[in-house]
């Protein structure tokens, strides 16, 4: 295929697949001592990454964000990550918490629409007091994003799922655990079976199957 030319800000970026443009892309990342909120897609003819246009508001610059895709509509979601508005290291922001000496834990949820090239802020930076989200998924059974938390700073915490119920500005609702309770430090991957729609959690502590039940 040849050599693909990469930009300088792809370290710890989040990658996505767009059905409308039939391309792969990446968002955010870190390089040259600054975080990014740029979005790149791979031009297969030129074999290089190209910066894509944005319209309206955009998320703060960040790295290590949680990414998941809406398999029903041509959307993708990002949750949190580490960063700030400027992307510069060690820049502190009055009123924000969870500063790790370089960046803040952001804790916000955004949706990107590939058709309109626009972002929507579903809830804002640190508006939800749940900094320990490990992963997320678009659950096809309920048609909504589901977030998974577990790790506490330096130690494992009880794994819990949270559902964002579709209203902008409202934070997710924590779902009660039924059955086995799991102390989880890090979730490496969160997948969903197409037929049963059960979720599979691949964590440091093992592999777990989870079923969402209606109340």
N, C-alpha and C. Protein backbone atom coordinates (compact mmCIF):
# COMPACT_ATOMS: atom_id res chain seq x y z
N UNK A 1 0.83 -1.21 0.00
CA UNK A 1 0.00 0.00 0.00
C UNK A 1 0.86 1.26 0.00
N UNK A 2 2.10 1.15 0.44
CA UNK A 2 2.95 2.32 0.47
C UNK A 2 3.07 2.89 1.86
N UNK A 3 3.76 4.00 1.98
CA UNK A 3 4.00 4.66 3.27
C UNK A 3 2.92 5.69 3.53
N UNK A 4 2.32 5.63 4.70
CA UNK A 4 1.29 6.60 5.10
C UNK A 4 1.95 7.72 5.88
N UNK A 5 1.74 8.95 5.45
CA UNK A 5 2.32 10.10 6.13
C UNK A 5 1.46 10.49 7.32
N UNK A 6 2.06 10.53 8.51
CA UNK A 6 1.34 10.83 9.74
C UNK A 6 1.63 12.25 10.20
N UNK A 7 0.65 12.86 10.87
CA UNK A 7 0.89 14.16 11.48
C UNK A 7 1.56 13.97 12.84
N UNK A 8 1.88 15.04 13.52
CA UNK A 8 2.63 14.98 14.77
C UNK A 8 1.77 14.77 16.00
N UNK A 9 0.45 14.76 15.87
CA UNK A 9 -0.42 14.78 17.05
C UNK A 9 -1.30 13.53 17.11
N UNK A 10 -0.73 12.36 16.84
CA UNK A 10 -1.52 11.14 16.81
C UNK A 10 -1.29 10.26 18.03
N UNK A 11 -0.34 10.59 18.91
CA UNK A 11 -0.11 9.78 20.09
C UNK A 11 -1.32 9.85 21.01
N UNK A 12 -1.86 8.67 21.37
CA UNK A 12 -3.02 8.56 22.26
C UNK A 12 -4.27 9.22 21.68
N UNK A 13 -4.36 9.29 20.34
CA UNK A 13 -5.60 9.76 19.70
C UNK A 13 -6.64 8.65 19.70
N UNK A 14 -7.91 9.00 19.46
CA UNK A 14 -9.00 8.04 19.37
C UNK A 14 -9.37 7.86 17.90
N UNK A 15 -9.45 6.62 17.46
CA UNK A 15 -9.72 6.33 16.05
C UNK A 15 -11.17 5.95 15.83
N UNK A 16 -11.69 6.25 14.64
CA UNK A 16 -13.09 5.95 14.32
C UNK A 16 -13.22 5.52 12.87
N UNK A 17 -14.39 4.97 12.54
CA UNK A 17 -14.73 4.59 11.18
C UNK A 17 -16.00 5.32 10.79
N UNK A 18 -15.98 6.03 9.66
CA UNK A 18 -17.15 6.76 9.17
C UNK A 18 -17.77 6.01 8.00
N UNK A 19 -19.05 5.65 8.16
CA UNK A 19 -19.73 4.96 7.05
C UNK A 19 -20.04 5.93 5.92
N UNK A 20 -20.35 7.20 6.23
CA UNK A 20 -20.75 8.14 5.19
C UNK A 20 -19.58 8.50 4.27
N UNK A 21 -18.38 8.67 4.85
CA UNK A 21 -17.22 9.00 4.02
C UNK A 21 -16.38 7.78 3.66
N UNK A 22 -16.79 6.61 4.21
CA UNK A 22 -16.07 5.36 3.96
C UNK A 22 -14.58 5.52 4.25
N UNK A 23 -14.27 6.09 5.40
CA UNK A 23 -12.89 6.36 5.75
C UNK A 23 -12.66 6.11 7.23
N UNK A 24 -11.41 5.98 7.59
CA UNK A 24 -11.04 5.90 9.00
C UNK A 24 -10.47 7.25 9.41
N UNK A 25 -10.62 7.57 10.68
CA UNK A 25 -10.16 8.86 11.16
C UNK A 25 -9.66 8.78 12.58
N UNK A 26 -9.13 9.90 13.08
CA UNK A 26 -8.70 9.96 14.47
C UNK A 26 -9.02 11.35 15.01
N UNK A 27 -9.24 11.38 16.33
CA UNK A 27 -9.57 12.64 17.01
C UNK A 27 -8.62 12.83 18.18
N UNK A 28 -8.20 14.10 18.40
CA UNK A 28 -7.41 14.44 19.57
C UNK A 28 -6.01 13.86 19.50
N UNK A 29 -5.42 13.66 20.67
CA UNK A 29 -4.07 13.14 20.75
C UNK A 29 -3.10 14.15 21.35
N UNK A 30 -1.85 13.79 21.32
CA UNK A 30 -0.83 14.57 22.02
C UNK A 30 0.48 14.50 21.25
N UNK A 31 1.19 15.62 21.21
CA UNK A 31 2.52 15.66 20.60
C UNK A 31 3.12 17.04 20.75
N UNK A 32 4.44 17.11 20.81
CA UNK A 32 5.13 18.40 20.94
C UNK A 32 4.65 19.19 22.16
N UNK A 33 4.36 18.46 23.26
CA UNK A 33 3.99 19.05 24.56
C UNK A 33 2.64 19.78 24.51
N UNK A 34 1.75 19.36 23.62
CA UNK A 34 0.43 19.99 23.55
C UNK A 34 -0.61 18.94 23.13
N UNK A 35 -1.81 19.04 23.72
CA UNK A 35 -2.91 18.16 23.34
C UNK A 35 -3.71 18.80 22.21
N UNK A 36 -4.48 17.99 21.50
CA UNK A 36 -5.17 18.44 20.29
C UNK A 36 -6.66 18.12 20.38
N UNK A 37 -7.47 18.90 19.65
CA UNK A 37 -8.87 18.51 19.40
C UNK A 37 -9.13 18.46 17.90
N UNK A 38 -8.08 18.27 17.13
CA UNK A 38 -8.22 18.17 15.69
C UNK A 38 -8.76 16.79 15.30
N UNK A 39 -9.35 16.75 14.13
CA UNK A 39 -9.87 15.50 13.59
C UNK A 39 -9.24 15.28 12.21
N UNK A 40 -8.64 14.11 12.04
CA UNK A 40 -7.99 13.75 10.78
C UNK A 40 -8.67 12.53 10.17
N UNK A 41 -8.70 12.47 8.85
CA UNK A 41 -9.13 11.26 8.15
C UNK A 41 -8.07 10.87 7.13
N UNK A 42 -7.99 9.57 6.88
CA UNK A 42 -6.96 9.05 6.00
C UNK A 42 -7.42 9.12 4.54
N UNK A 43 -6.68 9.87 3.72
CA UNK A 43 -6.92 9.94 2.28
C UNK A 43 -6.20 8.76 1.63
N UNK A 44 -6.97 7.77 1.16
CA UNK A 44 -6.37 6.55 0.64
C UNK A 44 -5.70 6.76 -0.71
N UNK A 45 -6.09 7.81 -1.43
CA UNK A 45 -5.45 8.09 -2.71
C UNK A 45 -4.07 8.73 -2.52
N UNK A 46 -3.98 9.67 -1.59
CA UNK A 46 -2.72 10.36 -1.34
C UNK A 46 -1.88 9.66 -0.26
N UNK A 47 -2.49 8.69 0.44
CA UNK A 47 -1.82 7.97 1.52
C UNK A 47 -1.27 8.93 2.58
N UNK A 48 -2.15 9.84 3.01
CA UNK A 48 -1.76 10.76 4.07
C UNK A 48 -3.00 11.17 4.85
N UNK A 49 -2.78 11.61 6.10
CA UNK A 49 -3.86 12.08 6.94
C UNK A 49 -4.15 13.54 6.62
N UNK A 50 -5.45 13.87 6.51
CA UNK A 50 -5.86 15.24 6.19
C UNK A 50 -6.76 15.78 7.30
N UNK A 51 -6.50 17.02 7.71
CA UNK A 51 -7.30 17.66 8.75
C UNK A 51 -8.68 17.97 8.21
N UNK A 52 -9.72 17.62 8.98
CA UNK A 52 -11.10 17.75 8.53
C UNK A 52 -11.72 19.04 9.08
N UNK A 53 -12.69 19.62 8.36
CA UNK A 53 -13.34 20.85 8.83
C UNK A 53 -14.28 20.58 9.99
N UNK A 54 -14.46 21.59 10.84
CA UNK A 54 -15.40 21.53 11.95
C UNK A 54 -16.34 22.73 11.86
N UNK A 55 -17.56 22.54 12.35
CA UNK A 55 -18.52 23.64 12.37
C UNK A 55 -19.12 23.74 13.77
N UNK A 56 -19.27 24.97 14.26
CA UNK A 56 -19.87 25.16 15.58
C UNK A 56 -18.87 24.92 16.70
N UNK A 57 -19.38 24.56 17.87
CA UNK A 57 -18.54 24.34 19.04
C UNK A 57 -17.76 23.02 18.90
N UNK A 58 -16.61 22.95 19.55
CA UNK A 58 -15.80 21.73 19.51
C UNK A 58 -15.36 21.39 20.93
N UNK A 59 -15.04 20.13 21.20
CA UNK A 59 -14.57 19.75 22.54
C UNK A 59 -13.23 20.38 22.86
N UNK A 60 -12.93 20.46 24.16
CA UNK A 60 -11.61 20.91 24.59
C UNK A 60 -10.54 19.95 24.06
N UNK A 61 -9.31 20.45 23.99
CA UNK A 61 -8.20 19.63 23.53
C UNK A 61 -7.87 18.58 24.58
N UNK A 62 -7.56 17.36 24.09
CA UNK A 62 -7.43 16.24 25.04
C UNK A 62 -6.66 15.08 24.44
N UNK A 63 -6.27 14.18 25.33
CA UNK A 63 -5.65 12.93 24.96
C UNK A 63 -6.27 11.82 25.81
N UNK A 64 -6.12 10.59 25.39
CA UNK A 64 -6.61 9.42 26.13
C UNK A 64 -8.10 9.49 26.42
N UNK A 65 -8.89 9.91 25.46
CA UNK A 65 -10.34 9.96 25.65
C UNK A 65 -10.96 8.60 25.37
N UNK A 66 -12.11 8.34 25.99
CA UNK A 66 -12.88 7.13 25.70
C UNK A 66 -13.74 7.38 24.46
N UNK A 67 -13.63 6.50 23.48
CA UNK A 67 -14.35 6.65 22.22
C UNK A 67 -15.26 5.44 21.99
N UNK A 68 -16.46 5.68 21.45
CA UNK A 68 -17.29 4.57 20.98
C UNK A 68 -18.23 5.08 19.90
N UNK A 69 -18.68 4.17 19.05
CA UNK A 69 -19.42 4.53 17.85
C UNK A 69 -20.88 4.12 17.96
N UNK A 70 -21.75 4.94 17.38
CA UNK A 70 -23.17 4.63 17.24
C UNK A 70 -23.32 3.77 15.97
N UNK A 71 -23.68 2.52 16.14
CA UNK A 71 -23.79 1.62 14.99
C UNK A 71 -25.12 1.74 14.26
N UNK A 72 -26.03 2.57 14.77
CA UNK A 72 -27.32 2.78 14.11
C UNK A 72 -27.26 4.02 13.22
N UNK A 73 -26.79 5.12 13.79
CA UNK A 73 -26.61 6.35 13.02
C UNK A 73 -25.11 6.56 12.81
N UNK A 74 -24.74 7.43 11.90
CA UNK A 74 -23.33 7.68 11.61
C UNK A 74 -22.79 8.73 12.57
N UNK A 75 -22.75 8.35 13.86
CA UNK A 75 -22.26 9.22 14.92
C UNK A 75 -21.12 8.51 15.66
N UNK A 76 -20.28 9.29 16.32
CA UNK A 76 -19.42 8.70 17.34
C UNK A 76 -19.42 9.59 18.57
N UNK A 77 -19.07 8.99 19.71
CA UNK A 77 -19.07 9.67 21.00
C UNK A 77 -17.66 9.68 21.57
N UNK A 78 -17.33 10.74 22.31
CA UNK A 78 -16.12 10.76 23.12
C UNK A 78 -16.51 11.11 24.54
N UNK A 79 -15.85 10.44 25.49
CA UNK A 79 -16.07 10.76 26.89
C UNK A 79 -14.74 11.09 27.54
N UNK A 80 -14.67 12.28 28.13
CA UNK A 80 -13.56 12.65 29.00
C UNK A 80 -12.20 12.60 28.36
N UNK A 81 -11.25 12.07 29.10
CA UNK A 81 -9.85 12.12 28.73
C UNK A 81 -9.13 13.13 29.61
N UNK A 82 -7.90 13.43 29.24
CA UNK A 82 -7.08 14.39 29.99
C UNK A 82 -6.76 15.56 29.08
N UNK A 83 -6.98 16.79 29.55
CA UNK A 83 -6.69 17.94 28.72
C UNK A 83 -7.15 19.24 29.37
N UNK A 84 -7.26 20.27 28.54
CA UNK A 84 -7.80 21.57 28.95
C UNK A 84 -8.18 22.33 27.68
N UNK A 85 -8.60 23.56 27.81
CA UNK A 85 -9.11 24.29 26.65
C UNK A 85 -8.00 24.64 25.65
N UNK A 86 -6.82 24.99 26.14
CA UNK A 86 -5.73 25.40 25.25
C UNK A 86 -4.89 24.24 24.75
N UNK A 87 -4.89 23.14 25.50
CA UNK A 87 -4.05 22.00 25.17
C UNK A 87 -2.65 22.07 25.75
N UNK A 88 -2.28 23.21 26.36
CA UNK A 88 -0.93 23.37 26.89
C UNK A 88 -0.77 22.61 28.20
N UNK A 89 0.39 22.02 28.38
CA UNK A 89 0.69 21.30 29.61
C UNK A 89 0.74 22.23 30.81
N UNK A 90 0.31 21.70 31.95
CA UNK A 90 0.43 22.35 33.27
C UNK A 90 -0.35 23.67 33.37
N UNK A 91 -1.25 23.92 32.47
CA UNK A 91 -2.07 25.14 32.53
C UNK A 91 -3.27 24.86 33.42
N UNK A 92 -3.40 25.57 34.51
CA UNK A 92 -4.47 25.32 35.46
C UNK A 92 -5.66 26.24 35.19
N UNK A 93 -6.85 25.72 35.48
CA UNK A 93 -8.11 26.42 35.21
C UNK A 93 -8.85 26.58 36.53
N UNK A 94 -9.20 27.80 36.88
CA UNK A 94 -9.89 28.07 38.14
C UNK A 94 -11.24 27.34 38.16
N UNK A 95 -11.51 26.66 39.27
CA UNK A 95 -12.78 25.97 39.44
C UNK A 95 -12.78 24.51 39.06
N UNK A 96 -11.76 24.05 38.35
CA UNK A 96 -11.69 22.65 37.96
C UNK A 96 -10.91 21.84 38.99
N UNK A 97 -11.25 20.56 39.10
CA UNK A 97 -10.59 19.64 40.04
C UNK A 97 -9.88 18.54 39.24
N UNK A 98 -9.30 17.58 39.98
CA UNK A 98 -8.67 16.40 39.38
C UNK A 98 -7.56 16.79 38.41
N UNK A 99 -6.65 17.64 38.86
CA UNK A 99 -5.49 18.04 38.07
C UNK A 99 -4.35 17.09 38.39
N UNK A 100 -3.75 16.46 37.37
CA UNK A 100 -2.70 15.47 37.61
C UNK A 100 -1.28 16.03 37.46
N UNK A 101 -1.17 17.35 37.44
CA UNK A 101 0.12 17.98 37.28
C UNK A 101 0.43 18.39 35.85
N UNK A 102 -0.30 17.80 34.90
CA UNK A 102 -0.14 18.14 33.49
C UNK A 102 -1.47 18.58 32.89
N UNK A 103 -2.52 17.75 33.09
CA UNK A 103 -3.85 18.04 32.55
C UNK A 103 -4.92 17.71 33.58
N UNK A 104 -6.15 18.11 33.25
CA UNK A 104 -7.33 17.79 34.05
C UNK A 104 -8.04 16.55 33.49
N UNK A 105 -8.66 15.80 34.40
CA UNK A 105 -9.62 14.78 33.99
C UNK A 105 -10.92 15.51 33.62
N UNK A 106 -11.36 15.39 32.38
CA UNK A 106 -12.42 16.27 31.88
C UNK A 106 -13.84 15.78 32.19
N UNK A 107 -14.13 14.50 31.96
CA UNK A 107 -15.41 13.95 32.37
C UNK A 107 -16.62 14.47 31.62
N UNK A 108 -16.46 14.91 30.36
CA UNK A 108 -17.59 15.39 29.57
C UNK A 108 -17.94 14.39 28.47
N UNK A 109 -19.14 14.51 27.91
CA UNK A 109 -19.60 13.60 26.85
C UNK A 109 -20.02 14.42 25.63
N UNK A 110 -19.48 14.04 24.46
CA UNK A 110 -19.76 14.71 23.20
C UNK A 110 -20.17 13.70 22.14
N UNK A 111 -21.00 14.17 21.20
CA UNK A 111 -21.41 13.34 20.06
C UNK A 111 -21.04 14.06 18.77
N UNK A 112 -20.45 13.34 17.82
CA UNK A 112 -20.10 13.92 16.53
C UNK A 112 -20.97 13.30 15.44
N UNK A 113 -21.58 14.17 14.59
CA UNK A 113 -22.43 13.75 13.49
C UNK A 113 -21.63 13.87 12.18
N UNK A 114 -21.35 12.73 11.56
CA UNK A 114 -20.55 12.75 10.32
C UNK A 114 -21.28 13.44 9.17
N UNK A 115 -22.61 13.43 9.18
CA UNK A 115 -23.36 14.04 8.09
C UNK A 115 -23.22 15.56 8.09
N UNK A 116 -23.29 16.17 9.27
CA UNK A 116 -23.24 17.63 9.37
C UNK A 116 -21.86 18.16 9.75
N UNK A 117 -20.93 17.25 10.13
CA UNK A 117 -19.61 17.66 10.63
C UNK A 117 -19.72 18.57 11.85
N UNK A 118 -20.67 18.26 12.72
CA UNK A 118 -20.88 19.08 13.92
C UNK A 118 -20.82 18.24 15.19
N UNK A 119 -20.31 18.89 16.25
CA UNK A 119 -20.28 18.30 17.58
C UNK A 119 -21.49 18.77 18.38
N UNK A 120 -21.95 17.93 19.30
CA UNK A 120 -22.96 18.31 20.30
C UNK A 120 -22.42 17.95 21.68
N UNK A 121 -22.45 18.92 22.60
CA UNK A 121 -22.02 18.68 23.97
C UNK A 121 -23.21 18.11 24.74
N UNK A 122 -23.12 16.87 25.19
CA UNK A 122 -24.23 16.21 25.87
C UNK A 122 -24.22 16.50 27.37
N UNK A 123 -23.05 16.56 27.99
CA UNK A 123 -22.89 17.20 29.29
C UNK A 123 -21.44 17.68 29.40
N UNK A 124 -21.25 18.78 30.14
CA UNK A 124 -20.03 19.57 30.04
C UNK A 124 -18.91 19.06 30.97
N UNK A 125 -17.75 19.71 30.85
CA UNK A 125 -16.56 19.35 31.60
C UNK A 125 -16.84 19.33 33.10
N UNK A 126 -16.55 18.21 33.74
CA UNK A 126 -16.67 18.00 35.18
C UNK A 126 -18.06 18.33 35.74
N UNK A 127 -19.09 18.22 34.91
CA UNK A 127 -20.45 18.42 35.41
C UNK A 127 -21.01 17.15 36.04
N UNK A 128 -20.31 16.03 35.87
CA UNK A 128 -20.73 14.75 36.43
C UNK A 128 -19.63 14.27 37.37
N UNK A 129 -19.98 13.99 38.61
CA UNK A 129 -18.98 13.63 39.62
C UNK A 129 -18.64 12.14 39.53
N UNK A 130 -18.11 11.73 38.38
CA UNK A 130 -17.73 10.33 38.17
C UNK A 130 -16.47 10.31 37.30
N UNK A 131 -15.30 10.58 37.91
CA UNK A 131 -14.07 10.70 37.12
C UNK A 131 -13.45 9.38 36.71
N UNK A 132 -13.97 8.25 37.22
CA UNK A 132 -13.28 6.98 37.04
C UNK A 132 -13.91 6.10 35.96
N UNK A 133 -14.45 6.70 34.93
CA UNK A 133 -15.01 5.91 33.83
C UNK A 133 -13.88 5.25 33.05
N UNK A 134 -14.03 3.95 32.84
CA UNK A 134 -13.02 3.17 32.13
C UNK A 134 -13.31 3.03 30.64
N UNK A 135 -14.59 2.93 30.31
CA UNK A 135 -14.93 2.61 28.93
C UNK A 135 -16.38 2.98 28.66
N UNK A 136 -16.79 2.87 27.40
CA UNK A 136 -18.17 3.17 27.03
C UNK A 136 -18.55 2.40 25.78
N UNK A 137 -19.86 2.34 25.53
CA UNK A 137 -20.36 1.62 24.37
C UNK A 137 -21.71 2.21 23.98
N UNK A 138 -22.02 2.17 22.69
CA UNK A 138 -23.38 2.51 22.26
C UNK A 138 -24.18 1.22 22.27
N UNK A 139 -25.13 1.11 23.21
CA UNK A 139 -25.88 -0.14 23.40
C UNK A 139 -27.03 -0.19 22.40
N UNK A 140 -26.97 -1.14 21.47
CA UNK A 140 -27.98 -1.21 20.40
C UNK A 140 -29.33 -1.66 20.92
N UNK A 141 -29.37 -2.32 22.07
CA UNK A 141 -30.66 -2.76 22.62
C UNK A 141 -31.51 -1.61 23.11
N UNK A 142 -30.87 -0.56 23.64
CA UNK A 142 -31.60 0.59 24.16
C UNK A 142 -31.39 1.84 23.31
N UNK A 143 -30.43 1.78 22.39
CA UNK A 143 -30.17 2.92 21.49
C UNK A 143 -29.59 4.12 22.19
N UNK A 144 -28.80 3.88 23.25
CA UNK A 144 -28.22 4.98 24.03
C UNK A 144 -26.81 4.63 24.47
N UNK A 145 -25.98 5.65 24.78
CA UNK A 145 -24.65 5.38 25.31
C UNK A 145 -24.69 4.83 26.74
N UNK A 146 -23.81 3.88 27.01
CA UNK A 146 -23.64 3.31 28.34
C UNK A 146 -22.17 3.45 28.72
N UNK A 147 -21.90 3.96 29.93
CA UNK A 147 -20.54 4.17 30.41
C UNK A 147 -20.25 3.22 31.56
N UNK A 148 -18.98 2.77 31.65
CA UNK A 148 -18.56 1.83 32.69
C UNK A 148 -17.49 2.49 33.55
N UNK A 149 -17.72 2.51 34.86
CA UNK A 149 -16.72 3.03 35.79
C UNK A 149 -16.25 1.91 36.70
N UNK A 150 -15.08 2.13 37.32
CA UNK A 150 -14.59 1.10 38.23
C UNK A 150 -13.38 1.53 39.02
N UNK A 151 -12.35 2.01 38.33
CA UNK A 151 -11.10 2.25 39.03
C UNK A 151 -11.17 3.50 39.90
N UNK A 152 -10.60 3.41 41.07
CA UNK A 152 -10.33 4.59 41.89
C UNK A 152 -8.84 4.89 41.74
N UNK A 153 -8.42 6.02 42.22
CA UNK A 153 -7.02 6.41 42.05
C UNK A 153 -6.09 5.39 42.72
N UNK A 154 -5.38 4.66 41.89
CA UNK A 154 -4.39 3.71 42.40
C UNK A 154 -4.96 2.41 42.93
N UNK A 155 -6.28 2.20 42.85
CA UNK A 155 -6.85 0.97 43.40
C UNK A 155 -8.13 0.62 42.65
N UNK A 156 -8.59 -0.61 42.84
CA UNK A 156 -9.81 -1.05 42.19
C UNK A 156 -11.04 -0.53 42.92
N UNK A 157 -12.12 -0.32 42.16
CA UNK A 157 -13.38 0.08 42.74
C UNK A 157 -14.50 -0.76 42.15
N UNK A 158 -15.68 -0.70 42.74
CA UNK A 158 -16.78 -1.52 42.23
C UNK A 158 -17.18 -1.09 40.83
N UNK A 159 -17.25 -2.04 39.93
CA UNK A 159 -17.66 -1.76 38.55
C UNK A 159 -19.14 -1.39 38.51
N UNK A 160 -19.44 -0.26 37.86
CA UNK A 160 -20.82 0.18 37.73
C UNK A 160 -21.06 0.72 36.33
N UNK A 161 -22.28 0.48 35.84
CA UNK A 161 -22.69 1.01 34.54
C UNK A 161 -23.59 2.22 34.74
N UNK A 162 -23.49 3.14 33.79
CA UNK A 162 -24.25 4.39 33.83
C UNK A 162 -24.82 4.63 32.44
N UNK A 163 -26.09 5.02 32.37
CA UNK A 163 -26.74 5.22 31.09
C UNK A 163 -27.06 6.70 30.90
N UNK A 164 -26.66 7.24 29.74
CA UNK A 164 -27.06 8.60 29.39
C UNK A 164 -28.36 8.50 28.62
N UNK A 165 -29.42 9.13 29.13
CA UNK A 165 -30.77 8.83 28.66
C UNK A 165 -31.27 9.74 27.55
N UNK A 166 -30.37 10.49 26.91
CA UNK A 166 -30.74 11.15 25.67
C UNK A 166 -31.08 12.62 25.77
N UNK A 167 -31.02 13.22 26.96
CA UNK A 167 -31.36 14.62 27.12
C UNK A 167 -30.10 15.44 27.35
N UNK A 168 -29.81 16.38 26.43
CA UNK A 168 -28.59 17.17 26.53
C UNK A 168 -28.57 17.96 27.84
N UNK A 169 -27.41 17.99 28.48
CA UNK A 169 -27.24 18.69 29.74
C UNK A 169 -27.49 17.82 30.96
N UNK A 170 -28.15 16.68 30.80
CA UNK A 170 -28.41 15.78 31.92
C UNK A 170 -27.28 14.75 32.03
N UNK A 171 -26.83 14.50 33.25
CA UNK A 171 -25.75 13.54 33.46
C UNK A 171 -26.33 12.12 33.47
N UNK A 172 -25.47 11.11 33.31
CA UNK A 172 -25.96 9.72 33.27
C UNK A 172 -26.58 9.26 34.58
N UNK A 173 -27.44 8.26 34.45
CA UNK A 173 -28.07 7.62 35.60
C UNK A 173 -27.31 6.33 35.92
N UNK A 174 -26.92 6.16 37.18
CA UNK A 174 -26.20 4.96 37.59
C UNK A 174 -27.18 3.80 37.74
N UNK A 175 -26.84 2.67 37.12
CA UNK A 175 -27.70 1.49 37.18
C UNK A 175 -27.32 0.64 38.39
N UNK A 176 -28.32 0.13 39.12
CA UNK A 176 -28.01 -0.71 40.29
C UNK A 176 -27.43 -2.06 39.84
N UNK A 177 -26.42 -2.52 40.58
CA UNK A 177 -25.82 -3.82 40.30
C UNK A 177 -26.68 -4.93 40.88
N UNK A 178 -26.91 -5.94 40.09
CA UNK A 178 -27.61 -7.13 40.56
C UNK A 178 -26.75 -8.34 40.23
N UNK A 179 -26.68 -9.30 41.15
CA UNK A 179 -25.80 -10.43 40.93
C UNK A 179 -24.41 -10.15 41.48
N UNK A 180 -23.40 -10.73 40.85
CA UNK A 180 -22.03 -10.62 41.34
C UNK A 180 -21.52 -9.18 41.25
N UNK A 181 -20.87 -8.72 42.28
CA UNK A 181 -20.25 -7.40 42.30
C UNK A 181 -18.75 -7.56 42.05
N UNK A 182 -18.20 -6.73 41.17
CA UNK A 182 -16.83 -6.91 40.72
C UNK A 182 -16.01 -5.67 41.06
N UNK A 183 -14.87 -5.87 41.71
CA UNK A 183 -13.92 -4.79 41.92
C UNK A 183 -13.03 -4.72 40.69
N UNK A 184 -13.01 -3.60 40.00
CA UNK A 184 -12.31 -3.50 38.72
C UNK A 184 -11.36 -2.31 38.73
N UNK A 185 -10.15 -2.54 38.25
CA UNK A 185 -9.18 -1.45 38.14
C UNK A 185 -9.19 -0.84 36.75
N UNK A 186 -9.11 -1.67 35.71
CA UNK A 186 -9.05 -1.15 34.34
C UNK A 186 -9.80 -2.07 33.39
N UNK A 187 -10.66 -1.48 32.56
CA UNK A 187 -11.35 -2.22 31.50
C UNK A 187 -10.63 -1.94 30.18
N UNK A 188 -10.10 -2.99 29.57
CA UNK A 188 -9.36 -2.82 28.32
C UNK A 188 -10.28 -2.74 27.11
N UNK A 189 -11.39 -3.45 27.17
CA UNK A 189 -12.31 -3.45 26.03
C UNK A 189 -13.71 -3.77 26.51
N UNK A 190 -14.70 -3.13 25.87
CA UNK A 190 -16.10 -3.35 26.18
C UNK A 190 -16.82 -3.63 24.87
N UNK A 191 -17.37 -4.84 24.72
CA UNK A 191 -17.99 -5.27 23.47
C UNK A 191 -19.42 -5.71 23.71
N UNK A 192 -20.20 -5.82 22.61
CA UNK A 192 -21.59 -6.25 22.71
C UNK A 192 -21.87 -7.33 21.67
N UNK A 193 -22.54 -8.39 22.11
CA UNK A 193 -22.94 -9.45 21.18
C UNK A 193 -24.11 -8.97 20.33
N UNK A 194 -24.08 -9.15 19.01
CA UNK A 194 -25.15 -8.65 18.15
C UNK A 194 -26.52 -9.29 18.44
N UNK A 195 -26.55 -10.56 18.75
CA UNK A 195 -27.83 -11.26 18.92
C UNK A 195 -28.40 -11.09 20.32
N UNK A 196 -27.65 -11.49 21.34
CA UNK A 196 -28.16 -11.41 22.71
C UNK A 196 -28.11 -9.98 23.25
N UNK A 197 -27.21 -9.15 22.67
CA UNK A 197 -26.97 -7.78 23.12
C UNK A 197 -26.40 -7.71 24.53
N UNK A 198 -25.89 -8.84 25.01
CA UNK A 198 -25.14 -8.82 26.25
C UNK A 198 -23.81 -8.11 26.01
N UNK A 199 -23.26 -7.51 27.08
CA UNK A 199 -21.96 -6.87 26.99
C UNK A 199 -20.89 -7.76 27.60
N UNK A 200 -19.70 -7.66 27.05
CA UNK A 200 -18.54 -8.38 27.56
C UNK A 200 -17.50 -7.38 28.03
N UNK A 201 -17.09 -7.51 29.28
CA UNK A 201 -16.09 -6.63 29.88
C UNK A 201 -14.77 -7.38 29.95
N UNK A 202 -13.75 -6.85 29.28
CA UNK A 202 -12.41 -7.43 29.33
C UNK A 202 -11.55 -6.53 30.22
N UNK A 203 -11.29 -6.99 31.44
CA UNK A 203 -10.65 -6.15 32.45
C UNK A 203 -9.39 -6.82 32.98
N UNK A 204 -8.63 -6.07 33.79
CA UNK A 204 -7.45 -6.65 34.44
C UNK A 204 -7.83 -7.88 35.27
N UNK A 205 -9.02 -7.85 35.84
CA UNK A 205 -9.44 -8.91 36.77
C UNK A 205 -10.06 -10.11 36.07
N UNK A 206 -10.27 -10.05 34.76
CA UNK A 206 -10.87 -11.17 34.04
C UNK A 206 -11.86 -10.70 32.98
N UNK A 207 -12.64 -11.66 32.47
CA UNK A 207 -13.65 -11.39 31.45
C UNK A 207 -15.03 -11.65 32.05
N UNK A 208 -15.95 -10.67 31.89
CA UNK A 208 -17.25 -10.76 32.54
C UNK A 208 -18.36 -10.48 31.51
N UNK A 209 -19.46 -11.22 31.61
CA UNK A 209 -20.63 -10.98 30.79
C UNK A 209 -21.65 -10.18 31.59
N UNK A 210 -22.28 -9.17 30.95
CA UNK A 210 -23.22 -8.30 31.66
C UNK A 210 -24.47 -8.15 30.81
N UNK A 211 -25.64 -8.28 31.46
CA UNK A 211 -26.92 -8.09 30.78
C UNK A 211 -27.62 -6.89 31.39
N UNK A 212 -28.10 -5.97 30.53
CA UNK A 212 -28.91 -4.86 31.00
C UNK A 212 -30.37 -5.30 31.04
N UNK A 213 -31.02 -5.14 32.19
CA UNK A 213 -32.42 -5.53 32.33
C UNK A 213 -33.28 -4.30 32.53
N UNK A 214 -34.45 -4.30 31.93
CA UNK A 214 -35.39 -3.18 32.09
C UNK A 214 -35.95 -3.18 33.51
N UNK A 215 -36.11 -1.96 34.07
CA UNK A 215 -36.68 -1.84 35.41
C UNK A 215 -38.18 -2.11 35.38
